[in-house]
PDB file of N, CA and C in Angstrom:
ATOM      1  N   MET A   1      15.951 -21.008  -7.050  1.00  0.00           N
ATOM      2  CA  MET A   1      14.972 -20.703  -6.027  1.00  0.00           C
ATOM      3  C   MET A   1      15.117 -19.258  -5.278  1.00  0.00           C
ATOM      4  N   ALA A   2      14.240 -18.279  -4.958  1.00  0.00           N
ATOM      5  CA  ALA A   2      14.258 -17.175  -4.552  1.00  0.00           C
ATOM      6  C   ALA A   2      13.852 -17.150  -3.137  1.00  0.00           C
ATOM      7  N   THR A   3      14.382 -16.426  -2.304  1.00  0.00           N
ATOM      8  CA  THR A   3      13.505 -16.314  -0.728  1.00  0.00           C
ATOM      9  C   THR A   3      12.528 -14.996  -1.160  1.00  0.00           C
ATOM     10  N   LEU A   4      12.025 -14.975   0.079  1.00  0.00           N
ATOM     11  CA  LEU A   4      10.681 -13.858   0.193  1.00  0.00           C
ATOM     12  C   LEU A   4      11.934 -12.834   0.440  1.00  0.00           C
ATOM     13  N   ASP A   5      12.728 -12.518   0.972  1.00  0.00           N
ATOM     14  CA  ASP A   5      13.780 -11.361   1.093  1.00  0.00           C
ATOM     15  C   ASP A   5      14.332 -10.880  -0.256  1.00  0.00           C
ATOM     16  N   ASP A   6      14.473 -12.031  -1.044  1.00  0.00           N
ATOM     17  CA  ASP A   6      14.869 -11.473  -2.655  1.00  0.00           C
ATOM     18  C   ASP A   6      13.500 -10.932  -3.201  1.00  0.00           C
ATOM     19  N   LEU A   7      12.658 -10.819  -3.166  1.00  0.00           N
ATOM     20  CA  LEU A   7      11.248 -10.528  -3.740  1.00  0.00           C
ATOM     21  C   LEU A   7      10.375  -9.575  -3.372  1.00  0.00           C
ATOM     22  N   ALA A   8      10.094  -9.531  -2.505  1.00  0.00           N
ATOM     23  CA  ALA A   8       9.486  -8.513  -1.550  1.00  0.00           C
ATOM     24  C   ALA A   8      10.186  -7.281  -1.593  1.00  0.00           C
ATOM     25  N   ARG A   9       9.826  -6.237  -1.547  1.00  0.00           N
ATOM     26  CA  ARG A   9      10.471  -4.860  -1.490  1.00  0.00           C
ATOM     27  C   ARG A   9      10.512  -4.422   0.013  1.00  0.00           C
ATOM     28  N   VAL A  10       9.456  -4.773   0.827  1.00  0.00           N
ATOM     29  CA  VAL A  10       9.339  -4.583   2.312  1.00  0.00           C
ATOM     30  C   VAL A  10       8.913  -5.773   3.052  1.00  0.00           C
ATOM     31  N   ILE A  11       9.706  -6.093   3.929  1.00  0.00           N
ATOM     32  CA  ILE A  11       9.340  -7.181   4.881  1.00  0.00           C
ATOM     33  C   ILE A  11       9.268  -6.812   6.295  1.00  0.00           C
ATOM     34  N   ARG A  12       8.512  -6.420   7.066  1.00  0.00           N
ATOM     35  CA  ARG A  12       8.146  -5.772   8.239  1.00  0.00           C
ATOM     36  C   ARG A  12       7.601  -6.254   9.386  1.00  0.00           C
ATOM     37  N   SER A  13       7.578  -6.121  10.626  1.00  0.00           N
ATOM     38  CA  SER A  13       6.653  -6.465  11.571  1.00  0.00           C
ATOM     39  C   SER A  13       6.600  -4.967  12.615  1.00  0.00           C
ATOM     40  N   LYS A  14       5.224  -5.270  13.177  1.00  0.00           N
ATOM     41  CA  LYS A  14       4.713  -4.131  14.339  1.00  0.00           C
ATOM     42  C   LYS A  14       4.047  -4.604  15.034  1.00  0.00           C
ATOM     43  N   ASN A  15       3.955  -3.867  16.244  1.00  0.00           N
ATOM     44  CA  ASN A  15       2.798  -3.977  17.471  1.00  0.00           C
ATOM     45  C   ASN A  15       1.334  -3.848  16.713  1.00  0.00           C
ATOM     46  N   ALA A  16       0.614  -4.731  16.897  1.00  0.00           N
ATOM     47  CA  ALA A  16      -0.722  -4.335  16.366  1.00  0.00           C
ATOM     48  C   ALA A  16      -1.608  -4.220  17.732  1.00  0.00           C
ATOM     49  N   SER A  17      -1.599  -4.597  18.782  1.00  0.00           N
ATOM     50  CA  SER A  17      -2.395  -4.473  20.183  1.00  0.00           C
ATOM     51  C   SER A  17      -1.358  -5.088  21.064  1.00  0.00           C
ATOM     52  N   PRO A  18      -1.675  -5.364  22.201  1.00  0.00           N
ATOM     53  CA  PRO A  18      -0.939  -5.733  23.462  1.00  0.00           C
ATOM     54  C   PRO A  18      -0.799  -7.310  23.161  1.00  0.00           C
ATOM     55  N   PHE A  19      -1.546  -7.827  22.220  1.00  0.00           N
ATOM     56  CA  PHE A  19      -1.888  -9.129  21.934  1.00  0.00           C
ATOM     57  C   PHE A  19      -1.292  -9.824  20.910  1.00  0.00           C
ATOM     58  N   LEU A  20      -1.023  -8.946  19.800  1.00  0.00           N
ATOM     59  CA  LEU A  20      -1.194  -9.488  18.277  1.00  0.00           C
ATOM     60  C   LEU A  20       0.526  -8.470  17.712  1.00  0.00           C
ATOM     61  N   ILE A  21       0.729  -9.064  16.754  1.00  0.00           N
ATOM     62  CA  ILE A  21       2.018  -8.678  15.985  1.00  0.00           C
ATOM     63  C   ILE A  21       1.727  -8.728  14.480  1.00  0.00           C
ATOM     64  N   THR A  22       1.751  -8.060  13.714  1.00  0.00           N
ATOM     65  CA  THR A  22       1.547  -8.129  12.313  1.00  0.00           C
ATOM     66  C   THR A  22       2.541  -8.130  11.535  1.00  0.00           C
ATOM     67  N   LEU A  23       2.611  -8.793  10.385  1.00  0.00           N
ATOM     68  CA  LEU A  23       3.652  -9.049   9.603  1.00  0.00           C
ATOM     69  C   LEU A  23       2.872  -8.403   8.257  1.00  0.00           C
ATOM     70  N   ASP A  24       4.077  -7.466   7.481  1.00  0.00           N
ATOM     71  CA  ASP A  24       3.300  -6.965   6.135  1.00  0.00           C
ATOM     72  C   ASP A  24       4.621  -7.225   5.483  1.00  0.00           C
ATOM     73  N   LEU A  25       4.437  -7.321   4.074  1.00  0.00           N
ATOM     74  CA  LEU A  25       5.188  -7.892   2.799  1.00  0.00           C
ATOM     75  C   LEU A  25       4.243  -7.285   1.975  1.00  0.00           C
ATOM     76  N   PHE A  26       5.261  -6.299   1.042  1.00  0.00           N
ATOM     77  CA  PHE A  26       4.872  -5.397   0.007  1.00  0.00           C
ATOM     78  C   PHE A  26       5.844  -5.831  -1.087  1.00  0.00           C
ATOM     79  N   PHE A  27       5.160  -6.005  -2.106  1.00  0.00           N
ATOM     80  CA  PHE A  27       6.032  -6.313  -3.625  1.00  0.00           C
ATOM     81  C   PHE A  27       5.943  -5.039  -4.362  1.00  0.00           C
ATOM     82  N   GLU A  28       7.309  -4.806  -5.086  1.00  0.00           N
ATOM     83  CA  GLU A  28       7.242  -3.838  -6.101  1.00  0.00           C
ATOM     84  C   GLU A  28       6.837  -4.071  -7.466  1.00  0.00           C
ATOM     85  N   HIS A  29       6.773  -5.802  -7.663  1.00  0.00           N
ATOM     86  CA  HIS A  29       6.389  -6.189  -8.883  1.00  0.00           C
ATOM     87  C   HIS A  29       5.272  -7.414  -8.724  1.00  0.00           C
ATOM     88  N   ARG A  30       4.292  -6.874  -9.687  1.00  0.00           N
ATOM     89  CA  ARG A  30       3.027  -7.541  -9.570  1.00  0.00           C
ATOM     90  C   ARG A  30       3.463  -9.287  -9.993  1.00  0.00           C
ATOM     91  N   ALA A  31       4.349  -9.369 -10.696  1.00  0.00           N
ATOM     92  CA  ALA A  31       4.685 -10.920 -10.763  1.00  0.00           C
ATOM     93  C   ALA A  31       5.439 -11.359  -9.719  1.00  0.00           C
ATOM     94  N   ASP A  32       6.374 -10.920  -8.896  1.00  0.00           N
ATOM     95  CA  ASP A  32       6.705 -11.507  -7.646  1.00  0.00           C
ATOM     96  C   ASP A  32       5.895 -11.574  -6.792  1.00  0.00           C
ATOM     97  N   TYR A  33       4.655 -10.893  -6.609  1.00  0.00           N
ATOM     98  CA  TYR A  33       3.435 -10.905  -5.583  1.00  0.00           C
ATOM     99  C   TYR A  33       2.771 -12.220  -6.046  1.00  0.00           C
ATOM    100  N   GLU A  34       2.430 -12.201  -7.534  1.00  0.00           N
ATOM    101  CA  GLU A  34       1.522 -13.454  -7.619  1.00  0.00           C
ATOM    102  C   GLU A  34       2.518 -14.621  -7.818  1.00  0.00           C
ATOM    103  N   ARG A  35       3.826 -14.665  -7.778  1.00  0.00           N
ATOM    104  CA  ARG A  35       4.282 -15.663  -7.399  1.00  0.00           C
ATOM    105  C   ARG A  35       4.517 -16.348  -6.320  1.00  0.00           C
ATOM    106  N   VAL A  36       4.645 -15.528  -5.342  1.00  0.00           N
ATOM    107  CA  VAL A  36       4.661 -15.871  -4.022  1.00  0.00           C
ATOM    108  C   VAL A  36       3.131 -16.203  -3.565  1.00  0.00           C
ATOM    109  N   LYS A  37       2.180 -15.388  -3.959  1.00  0.00           N
ATOM    110  CA  LYS A  37       0.664 -15.929  -3.874  1.00  0.00           C
ATOM    111  C   LYS A  37       0.454 -17.428  -4.272  1.00  0.00           C
ATOM    112  N   ALA A  38       0.666 -17.700  -5.468  1.00  0.00           N
ATOM    113  CA  ALA A  38       0.467 -18.988  -6.233  1.00  0.00           C
ATOM    114  C   ALA A  38       1.578 -19.996  -5.431  1.00  0.00           C
ATOM    115  N   ALA A  39       2.390 -19.977  -5.084  1.00  0.00           N
ATOM    116  CA  ALA A  39       3.249 -21.091  -4.222  1.00  0.00           C
ATOM    117  C   ALA A  39       2.894 -21.591  -3.122  1.00  0.00           C
ATOM    118  N   GLY A  40       1.880 -20.617  -2.425  1.00  0.00           N
ATOM    119  CA  GLY A  40       1.166 -21.035  -1.421  1.00  0.00           C
ATOM    120  C   GLY A  40       2.474 -21.284  -0.147  1.00  0.00           C
ATOM    121  N   VAL A  41       3.461 -20.523  -0.170  1.00  0.00           N
ATOM    122  CA  VAL A  41       4.408 -20.767   1.052  1.00  0.00           C
ATOM    123  C   VAL A  41       4.264 -19.742   2.255  1.00  0.00           C
ATOM    124  N   LEU A  42       3.257 -19.238   2.032  1.00  0.00           N
ATOM    125  CA  LEU A  42       2.599 -18.166   3.330  1.00  0.00           C
ATOM    126  C   LEU A  42       1.221 -18.850   4.060  1.00  0.00           C
ATOM    127  N   ASP A  43       1.371 -20.162   3.970  1.00  0.00           N
ATOM    128  CA  ASP A  43       0.026 -20.709   4.743  1.00  0.00           C
ATOM    129  C   ASP A  43       0.259 -20.797   6.109  1.00  0.00           C
ATOM    130  N   ALA A  44      -0.927 -20.772   6.787  1.00  0.00           N
ATOM    131  CA  ALA A  44      -0.710 -20.711   8.307  1.00  0.00           C
ATOM    132  C   ALA A  44      -0.093 -21.588   9.098  1.00  0.00           C
ATOM    133  N   ALA A  45      -0.185 -23.236   8.614  1.00  0.00           N
ATOM    134  CA  ALA A  45       0.830 -24.305   9.084  1.00  0.00           C
ATOM    135  C   ALA A  45       2.221 -23.874   9.017  1.00  0.00           C
ATOM    136  N   GLY A  46       2.687 -23.329   7.769  1.00  0.00           N
ATOM    137  CA  GLY A  46       4.073 -23.011   7.832  1.00  0.00           C
ATOM    138  C   GLY A  46       4.665 -22.060   8.666  1.00  0.00           C
ATOM    139  N   ILE A  47       3.845 -21.003   8.727  1.00  0.00           N
ATOM    140  CA  ILE A  47       4.086 -19.459   9.549  1.00  0.00           C
ATOM    141  C   ILE A  47       3.972 -20.021  10.892  1.00  0.00           C
ATOM    142  N   ALA A  48       3.071 -20.796  11.278  1.00  0.00           N
ATOM    143  CA  ALA A  48       3.067 -21.171  12.625  1.00  0.00           C
ATOM    144  C   ALA A  48       4.365 -21.976  13.270  1.00  0.00           C
ATOM    145  N   ALA A  49       4.660 -23.093  12.363  1.00  0.00           N
ATOM    146  CA  ALA A  49       5.731 -23.706  12.327  1.00  0.00           C
ATOM    147  C   ALA A  49       7.558 -22.875  12.530  1.00  0.00           C
ATOM    148  N   ARG A  50       7.124 -21.713  11.628  1.00  0.00           N
ATOM    149  CA  ARG A  50       8.753 -20.683  12.030  1.00  0.00           C
ATOM    150  C   ARG A  50       8.834 -20.025  12.880  1.00  0.00           C
ATOM    151  N   TYR A  51       7.385 -19.984  13.562  1.00  0.00           N
ATOM    152  CA  TYR A  51       7.343 -19.019  14.847  1.00  0.00           C
ATOM    153  C   TYR A  51       7.418 -19.789  16.344  1.00  0.00           C
ATOM    154  N   GLY A  52       7.221 -21.283  15.827  1.00  0.00           N
ATOM    155  CA  GLY A  52       7.085 -22.100  17.169  1.00  0.00           C
ATOM    156  C   GLY A  52       5.689 -21.902  17.854  1.00  0.00           C
ATOM    157  N   LEU A  53       4.762 -21.617  17.358  1.00  0.00           N
ATOM    158  CA  LEU A  53       3.343 -21.348  17.576  1.00  0.00           C
ATOM    159  C   LEU A  53       2.301 -22.361  17.146  1.00  0.00           C
ATOM    160  N   PRO A  54       1.489 -22.589  17.787  1.00  0.00           N
ATOM    161  CA  PRO A  54       0.328 -23.328  17.382  1.00  0.00           C
ATOM    162  C   PRO A  54      -0.283 -22.607  15.969  1.00  0.00           C
ATOM    163  N   GLU A  55      -0.960 -23.445  15.371  1.00  0.00           N
ATOM    164  CA  GLU A  55      -1.839 -22.650  13.988  1.00  0.00           C
ATOM    165  C   GLU A  55      -2.826 -21.879  14.267  1.00  0.00           C
ATOM    166  N   ALA A  56      -3.255 -21.950  15.176  1.00  0.00           N
ATOM    167  CA  ALA A  56      -4.555 -21.144  15.798  1.00  0.00           C
ATOM    168  C   ALA A  56      -3.991 -19.743  16.213  1.00  0.00           C
ATOM    169  N   ALA A  57      -2.653 -19.754  16.228  1.00  0.00           N
ATOM    170  CA  ALA A  57      -1.911 -18.288  16.673  1.00  0.00           C
ATOM    171  C   ALA A  57      -2.178 -17.104  15.568  1.00  0.00           C
ATOM    172  N   VAL A  58      -1.910 -18.040  14.485  1.00  0.00           N
ATOM    173  CA  VAL A  58      -1.872 -17.147  13.227  1.00  0.00           C
ATOM    174  C   VAL A  58      -3.161 -16.925  12.336  1.00  0.00           C
ATOM    175  N   ARG A  59      -3.167 -15.517  12.330  1.00  0.00           N
ATOM    176  CA  ARG A  59      -4.379 -14.660  11.466  1.00  0.00           C
ATOM    177  C   ARG A  59      -3.783 -14.467  10.115  1.00  0.00           C
ATOM    178  N   GLY A  60      -4.435 -15.204   9.052  1.00  0.00           N
ATOM    179  CA  GLY A  60      -4.142 -15.077   7.976  1.00  0.00           C
ATOM    180  C   GLY A  60      -3.508 -16.166   6.866  1.00  0.00           C
ATOM    181  N   PRO A  61      -2.987 -15.691   6.230  1.00  0.00           N
ATOM    182  CA  PRO A  61      -2.328 -14.733   5.304  1.00  0.00           C
ATOM    183  C   PRO A  61      -3.588 -13.909   4.433  1.00  0.00           C
ATOM    184  N   TYR A  62      -3.379 -12.744   4.820  1.00  0.00           N
ATOM    185  CA  TYR A  62      -4.487 -11.886   3.862  1.00  0.00           C
ATOM    186  C   TYR A  62      -3.982 -10.989   2.620  1.00  0.00           C
ATOM    187  N   PHE A  63      -4.310 -11.649   1.378  1.00  0.00           N
ATOM    188  CA  PHE A  63      -3.532 -11.239  -0.008  1.00  0.00           C
ATOM    189  C   PHE A  63      -4.292  -9.946  -0.263  1.00  0.00           C
ATOM    190  N   VAL A  64      -3.437  -8.881  -0.459  1.00  0.00           N
ATOM    191  CA  VAL A  64      -4.256  -7.502  -0.854  1.00  0.00           C
ATOM    192  C   VAL A  64      -3.578  -7.093  -2.642  1.00  0.00           C
ATOM    193  N   ASP A  65      -4.488  -7.709  -3.508  1.00  0.00           N
ATOM    194  CA  ASP A  65      -3.967  -7.699  -4.691  1.00  0.00           C
ATOM    195  C   ASP A  65      -3.549  -6.319  -5.018  1.00  0.00           C
ATOM    196  N   GLN A  66      -4.592  -5.349  -4.343  1.00  0.00           N
ATOM    197  CA  GLN A  66      -4.689  -3.670  -5.139  1.00  0.00           C
ATOM    198  C   GLN A  66      -3.017  -3.243  -4.315  1.00  0.00           C
ATOM    199  N   ALA A  67      -2.611  -3.590  -3.409  1.00  0.00           N
ATOM    200  CA  ALA A  67      -1.221  -3.001  -2.782  1.00  0.00           C
ATOM    201  C   ALA A  67      -0.338  -4.398  -3.042  1.00  0.00           C
ATOM    202  N   LEU A  68      -0.396  -4.879  -3.747  1.00  0.00           N
ATOM    203  CA  LEU A  68       0.340  -6.142  -3.829  1.00  0.00           C
ATOM    204  C   LEU A  68       1.207  -6.482  -2.405  1.00  0.00           C
ATOM    205  N   GLY A  69       0.192  -6.650  -1.587  1.00  0.00           N
ATOM    206  CA  GLY A  69       0.613  -6.661  -0.017  1.00  0.00           C
ATOM    207  C   GLY A  69       0.101  -7.880   0.342  1.00  0.00           C
ATOM    208  N   VAL A  70       0.885  -8.388   1.623  1.00  0.00           N
ATOM    209  CA  VAL A  70       0.443  -9.433   2.231  1.00  0.00           C
ATOM    210  C   VAL A  70       0.528  -9.166   3.757  1.00  0.00           C
ATOM    211  N   LYS A  71      -0.754  -9.396   4.626  1.00  0.00           N
ATOM    212  CA  LYS A  71      -0.765  -9.357   5.868  1.00  0.00           C
ATOM    213  C   LYS A  71      -1.006 -10.523   6.775  1.00  0.00           C
ATOM    214  N   ILE A  72      -0.236 -10.709   7.676  1.00  0.00           N
ATOM    215  CA  ILE A  72      -0.211 -12.050   8.488  1.00  0.00           C
ATOM    216  C   ILE A  72      -0.301 -11.419   9.940  1.00  0.00           C
ATOM    217  N   SER A  73      -1.452 -11.919  10.528  1.00  0.00           N
ATOM    218  CA  SER A  73      -1.314 -11.625  12.387  1.00  0.00           C
ATOM    219  C   SER A  73      -0.731 -12.467  13.107  1.00  0.00           C
ATOM    220  N   LEU A  74       0.065 -12.307  14.257  1.00  0.00           N
ATOM    221  CA  LEU A  74       0.364 -13.740  15.219  1.00  0.00           C
ATOM    222  C   LEU A  74      -0.248 -13.233  16.731  1.00  0.00           C
ATOM    223  N   LEU A  75      -0.723 -13.902  17.587  1.00  0.00           N
ATOM    224  CA  LEU A  75      -1.038 -14.006  18.678  1.00  0.00           C
ATOM    225  C   LEU A  75       0.263 -14.135  19.196  1.00  0.00           C
ATOM    226  N   ARG A  76       0.547 -12.664  20.300  1.00  0.00           N
ATOM    227  CA  ARG A  76       1.789 -13.124  20.998  1.00  0.00           C
ATOM    228  C   ARG A  76       1.504 -14.052  22.296  1.00  0.00           C
ATOM    229  N   GLU A  77       2.672 -14.520  22.816  1.00  0.00           N
ATOM    230  CA  GLU A  77       2.781 -15.615  23.564  1.00  0.00           C
ATOM    231  C   GLU A  77       2.513 -14.911  24.838  1.00  0.00           C
ATOM    232  N   HIS A  78       2.995 -13.980  25.138  1.00  0.00           N
ATOM    233  CA  HIS A  78       2.482 -12.863  26.214  1.00  0.00           C
ATOM    234  C   HIS A  78       2.190 -11.443  25.902  1.00  0.00           C
ATOM    235  N   PRO A  79       1.141 -11.214  26.313  1.00  0.00           N
ATOM    236  CA  PRO A  79       0.783  -9.520  26.193  1.00  0.00           C
ATOM    237  C   PRO A  79       2.147  -8.526  26.511  1.00  0.00           C
ATOM    238  N   THR A  80       2.200  -7.628  25.775  1.00  0.00           N
ATOM    239  CA  THR A  80       3.103  -6.698  25.621  1.00  0.00           C
ATOM    240  C   THR A  80       3.818  -6.135  27.198  1.00  0.00           C
ATOM    241  N   HIS A  81       2.642  -6.072  28.084  1.00  0.00           N
ATOM    242  CA  HIS A  81       2.894  -5.280  29.243  1.00  0.00           C
ATOM    243  C   HIS A  81       3.550  -6.491  30.437  1.00  0.00           C
ATOM    244  N   ALA A  82       3.322  -7.792  29.948  1.00  0.00           N
ATOM    245  CA  ALA A  82       3.687  -9.184  30.988  1.00  0.00           C
ATOM    246  C   ALA A  82       4.999  -9.481  31.454  1.00  0.00           C
ATOM    247  N   LEU A  83       5.311 -10.253  31.969  1.00  0.00           N
ATOM    248  CA  LEU A  83       6.873 -10.580  32.417  1.00  0.00           C
ATOM    249  C   LEU A  83       6.908 -11.887  31.234  1.00  0.00           C
ATOM    250  N   GLY A  84       7.755 -11.601  30.507  1.00  0.00           N
ATOM    251  CA  GLY A  84       8.068 -12.474  29.647  1.00  0.00           C
ATOM    252  C   GLY A  84       8.190 -12.162  28.182  1.00  0.00           C
ATOM    253  N   SER A  85       7.465 -10.761  27.972  1.00  0.00           N
ATOM    254  CA  SER A  85       7.264 -10.375  26.941  1.00  0.00           C
ATOM    255  C   SER A  85       8.698 -10.026  26.201  1.00  0.00           C
ATOM    256  N   SER A  86       9.027 -10.237  25.224  1.00  0.00           N
ATOM    257  CA  SER A  86      10.623 -10.129  24.746  1.00  0.00           C
ATOM    258  C   SER A  86      10.550  -8.942  23.595  1.00  0.00           C
ATOM    259  N   ASP A  87       9.422  -8.406  23.266  1.00  0.00           N
ATOM    260  CA  ASP A  87       9.600  -7.251  22.217  1.00  0.00           C
ATOM    261  C   ASP A  87       8.422  -6.188  21.888  1.00  0.00           C
ATOM    262  N   CYS A  88       8.087  -5.296  22.961  1.00  0.00           N
ATOM    263  CA  CYS A  88       7.038  -4.759  23.314  1.00  0.00           C
ATOM    264  C   CYS A  88       6.676  -3.676  21.905  1.00  0.00           C
ATOM    265  N   TYR A  89       7.605  -3.329  20.801  1.00  0.00           N
ATOM    266  CA  TYR A  89       7.270  -2.569  19.685  1.00  0.00           C
ATOM    267  C   TYR A  89       6.980  -3.900  18.472  1.00  0.00           C
ATOM    268  N   GLY A  90       7.128  -5.114  18.538  1.00  0.00           N
ATOM    269  CA  GLY A  90       7.106  -6.186  17.790  1.00  0.00           C
ATOM    270  C   GLY A  90       7.912  -5.636  16.502  1.00  0.00           C
ATOM    271  N   ALA A  91       8.989  -5.054  16.572  1.00  0.00           N
ATOM    272  CA  ALA A  91       9.754  -4.308  15.299  1.00  0.00           C
ATOM    273  C   ALA A  91      10.774  -5.497  14.903  1.00  0.00           C
ATOM    274  N   GLN A  92      10.924  -6.716  15.185  1.00  0.00           N
ATOM    275  CA  GLN A  92      11.951  -7.341  14.785  1.00  0.00           C
ATOM    276  C   GLN A  92      11.467  -8.878  14.695  1.00  0.00           C
ATOM    277  N   GLN A  93      10.436  -8.797  14.521  1.00  0.00           N
ATOM    278  CA  GLN A  93       9.373 -10.422  14.484  1.00  0.00           C
ATOM    279  C   GLN A  93       9.383 -10.819  12.908  1.00  0.00           C
ATOM    280  N   HIS A  94       9.935  -9.990  11.940  1.00  0.00           N
ATOM    281  CA  HIS A  94       9.650 -10.301  10.622  1.00  0.00           C
ATOM    282  C   HIS A  94      10.696 -11.202  10.024  1.00  0.00           C
ATOM    283  N   LEU A  95      11.817 -11.415  11.051  1.00  0.00           N
ATOM    284  CA  LEU A  95      12.983 -11.943  10.147  1.00  0.00           C
ATOM    285  C   LEU A  95      12.611 -13.500   9.941  1.00  0.00           C
ATOM    286  N   PRO A  96      12.216 -14.301  10.601  1.00  0.00           N
ATOM    287  CA  PRO A  96      11.541 -15.769  10.204  1.00  0.00           C
ATOM    288  C   PRO A  96      11.294 -15.661   8.835  1.00  0.00           C
ATOM    289  N   LEU A  97      10.567 -14.624   8.282  1.00  0.00           N
ATOM    290  CA  LEU A  97       9.931 -14.440   7.037  1.00  0.00           C
ATOM    291  C   LEU A  97      11.040 -14.302   6.025  1.00  0.00           C
ATOM    292  N   ALA A  98      12.000 -13.652   6.110  1.00  0.00           N
ATOM    293  CA  ALA A  98      12.916 -13.429   4.985  1.00  0.00           C
ATOM    294  C   ALA A  98      13.638 -14.541   4.179  1.00  0.00           C
ATOM    295  N   SER A  99      13.751 -15.600   4.982  1.00  0.00           N
ATOM    296  CA  SER A  99      14.277 -17.038   4.626  1.00  0.00           C
ATOM    297  C   SER A  99      13.594 -17.841   4.036  1.00  0.00           C
ATOM    298  N   ILE A 100      12.160 -17.593   3.970  1.00  0.00           N
ATOM    299  CA  ILE A 100      11.224 -18.724   3.299  1.00  0.00           C
ATOM    300  C   ILE A 100      11.548 -18.575   1.643  1.00  0.00           C
ATOM    301  N   GLU A 101      11.580 -20.024   1.283  1.00  0.00           N
ATOM    302  CA  GLU A 101      12.134 -19.996  -0.417  1.00  0.00           C
ATOM    303  C   GLU A 101      10.967 -20.202  -0.861  1.00  0.00           C
ATOM    304  N   VAL A 102      10.752 -19.605  -2.141  1.00  0.00           N
ATOM    305  CA  VAL A 102       9.763 -19.596  -3.206  1.00  0.00           C
ATOM    306  C   VAL A 102      10.235 -20.246  -4.384  1.00  0.00           C
ATOM    307  N   PRO A 103       9.540 -21.304  -4.625  1.00  0.00           N
ATOM    308  CA  PRO A 103       9.845 -22.086  -5.721  1.00  0.00           C
ATOM    309  C   PRO A 103       9.418 -21.275  -7.212  1.00  0.00           C
ATOM    310  N   ASP A 104      10.571 -21.366  -8.026  1.00  0.00           N
ATOM    311  CA  ASP A 104      10.264 -21.019  -9.420  1.00  0.00           C
ATOM    312  C   ASP A 104       9.041 -20.785  -9.977  1.00  0.00           C
ATOM    313  N   ALA A 105       8.433 -19.908 -10.621  1.00  0.00           N
ATOM    314  CA  ALA A 105       7.098 -19.923 -11.487  1.00  0.00           C
ATOM    315  C   ALA A 105       6.838 -21.172 -12.315  1.00  0.00           C
TER     316      ALA A 105
END
């Protein structure tokens, strides 16, 4: 069994607005992309559990076949300018995705 970190060429997060963080995954090989897509490991409920968020706070996943990419957006618990915001750039929020296990095809 491989992890997303093994299969994806890029796993990143970024600020999408004061209220959203966007997670992006890009794959070099169509077979790896299709494997992840078919496995269903990026469902909203699973993502919400990994991030400690309610499922309603997860937008996506959106699979972009032409780009071999996946986009997921998360509602922030606190807007970037508010007291309690821990990462105004959203640059370190992708790490919980990296260890998701993907079953063999």
